[in-house]
Amino acid sequence: MSNDKGLQDAHVKIGTKQTMKAVETGQATEVYVAEDCDQRLTSKIVTLCVKHGVDITYVPTMRALGEACGIEVGAAMVAVLKQ
């Protein structure tokens, strides 16, 4: 794992199901959402984050979000977990 800044060193859950679960269970402090993600998924996580008071940060592409997490595929959304 490299030391460049990004989400690689944070405790995160990557992907739609894991992100939704982290928000629902109160584990998430912030959620990153790819702007090119399917709108149906985006609207669900936005609603959930508003309900639970979780901050949302938008990233231009799924590819950029995946790279920020140190994975070689795109990611629709990522939850940063409470420490």
Protein backbone atom coordinates (compact mmCIF):
# COMPACT_ATOMS: atom_id res chain seq x y z
CA MET A 1 0.00 0.00 0.00
CA SER A 2 1.38 3.36 -0.94
CA ASN A 3 1.62 6.34 1.38
CA ASP A 4 0.05 8.87 -0.98
CA LYS A 5 -2.97 10.66 0.40
CA GLY A 6 -6.40 9.36 -0.35
CA LEU A 7 -8.68 6.82 1.17
CA GLN A 8 -6.13 4.02 1.21
CA ASP A 9 -5.08 4.53 4.83
CA ALA A 10 -8.57 5.19 6.18
CA HIS A 11 -10.94 2.54 7.47
CA VAL A 12 -13.44 2.30 4.63
CA LYS A 13 -16.19 0.14 3.21
CA ILE A 14 -16.16 0.06 -0.58
CA GLY A 15 -19.21 -0.58 -2.72
CA THR A 16 -22.92 0.07 -2.62
CA LYS A 17 -24.08 -2.67 -0.23
CA GLN A 18 -21.28 -2.15 2.29
CA THR A 19 -21.66 1.64 2.18
CA MET A 20 -25.43 1.48 2.72
CA LYS A 21 -24.98 -0.93 5.63
CA ALA A 22 -22.30 1.28 7.23
CA VAL A 23 -24.61 4.32 7.08
CA GLU A 24 -27.64 2.38 8.35
CA THR A 25 -25.71 0.99 11.33
CA GLY A 26 -24.21 4.37 12.26
CA GLN A 27 -20.62 3.37 11.46
CA ALA A 28 -20.04 5.89 8.65
CA THR A 29 -18.71 9.41 9.26
CA GLU A 30 -18.57 10.39 5.59
CA VAL A 31 -19.58 8.92 2.25
CA TYR A 32 -17.90 9.50 -1.11
CA VAL A 33 -20.16 9.10 -4.14
CA ALA A 34 -19.08 8.93 -7.79
CA GLU A 35 -20.99 11.44 -9.91
CA ASP A 36 -21.12 9.01 -12.87
CA CYS A 37 -22.80 6.34 -10.74
CA ASP A 38 -26.35 5.15 -11.51
CA GLN A 39 -28.82 7.80 -10.30
CA ARG A 40 -31.02 5.20 -8.59
CA LEU A 41 -28.11 4.21 -6.34
CA THR A 42 -27.07 7.81 -5.79
CA SER A 43 -30.53 8.90 -4.68
CA LYS A 44 -30.79 6.00 -2.21
CA ILE A 45 -27.48 6.74 -0.50
CA VAL A 46 -28.13 10.51 -0.45
CA THR A 47 -31.49 9.93 1.27
CA LEU A 48 -29.88 7.55 3.77
CA CYS A 49 -27.03 9.99 4.52
CA VAL A 50 -29.44 12.88 5.08
CA LYS A 51 -31.54 10.72 7.41
CA HIS A 52 -28.49 9.66 9.45
CA GLY A 53 -26.62 12.99 9.30
CA VAL A 54 -23.66 11.66 7.31
CA ASP A 55 -21.64 14.06 5.13
CA ILE A 56 -21.44 13.34 1.40
CA THR A 57 -18.52 14.22 -0.85
CA TYR A 58 -18.88 13.85 -4.61
CA VAL A 59 -16.05 12.53 -6.78
CA PRO A 60 -16.18 13.04 -10.58
CA THR A 61 -15.87 9.37 -11.64
CA MET A 62 -16.12 5.83 -10.31
CA ARG A 63 -12.61 5.23 -11.65
CA ALA A 64 -11.19 8.15 -9.64
CA LEU A 65 -12.93 6.94 -6.50
CA GLY A 66 -11.60 3.41 -6.99
CA GLU A 67 -8.07 4.75 -7.49
CA ALA A 68 -8.36 6.87 -4.32
CA CYS A 69 -9.16 3.64 -2.45
CA GLY A 70 -6.21 1.80 -3.96
CA ILE A 71 -8.29 -0.60 -6.04
CA GLU A 72 -7.98 -1.18 -9.77
CA VAL A 73 -11.68 -1.02 -10.55
CA GLY A 74 -14.22 1.75 -10.23
CA ALA A 75 -16.22 2.28 -7.04
CA ALA A 76 -19.71 3.77 -6.98
CA MET A 77 -19.48 4.79 -3.34
CA VAL A 78 -17.27 4.47 -0.28
CA ALA A 79 -18.02 4.95 3.41
CA VAL A 80 -15.35 6.24 5.79
CA LEU A 81 -15.83 4.53 9.14
CA LYS A 82 -15.66 5.94 12.65
CA GLN A 83 -12.42 5.13 14.39
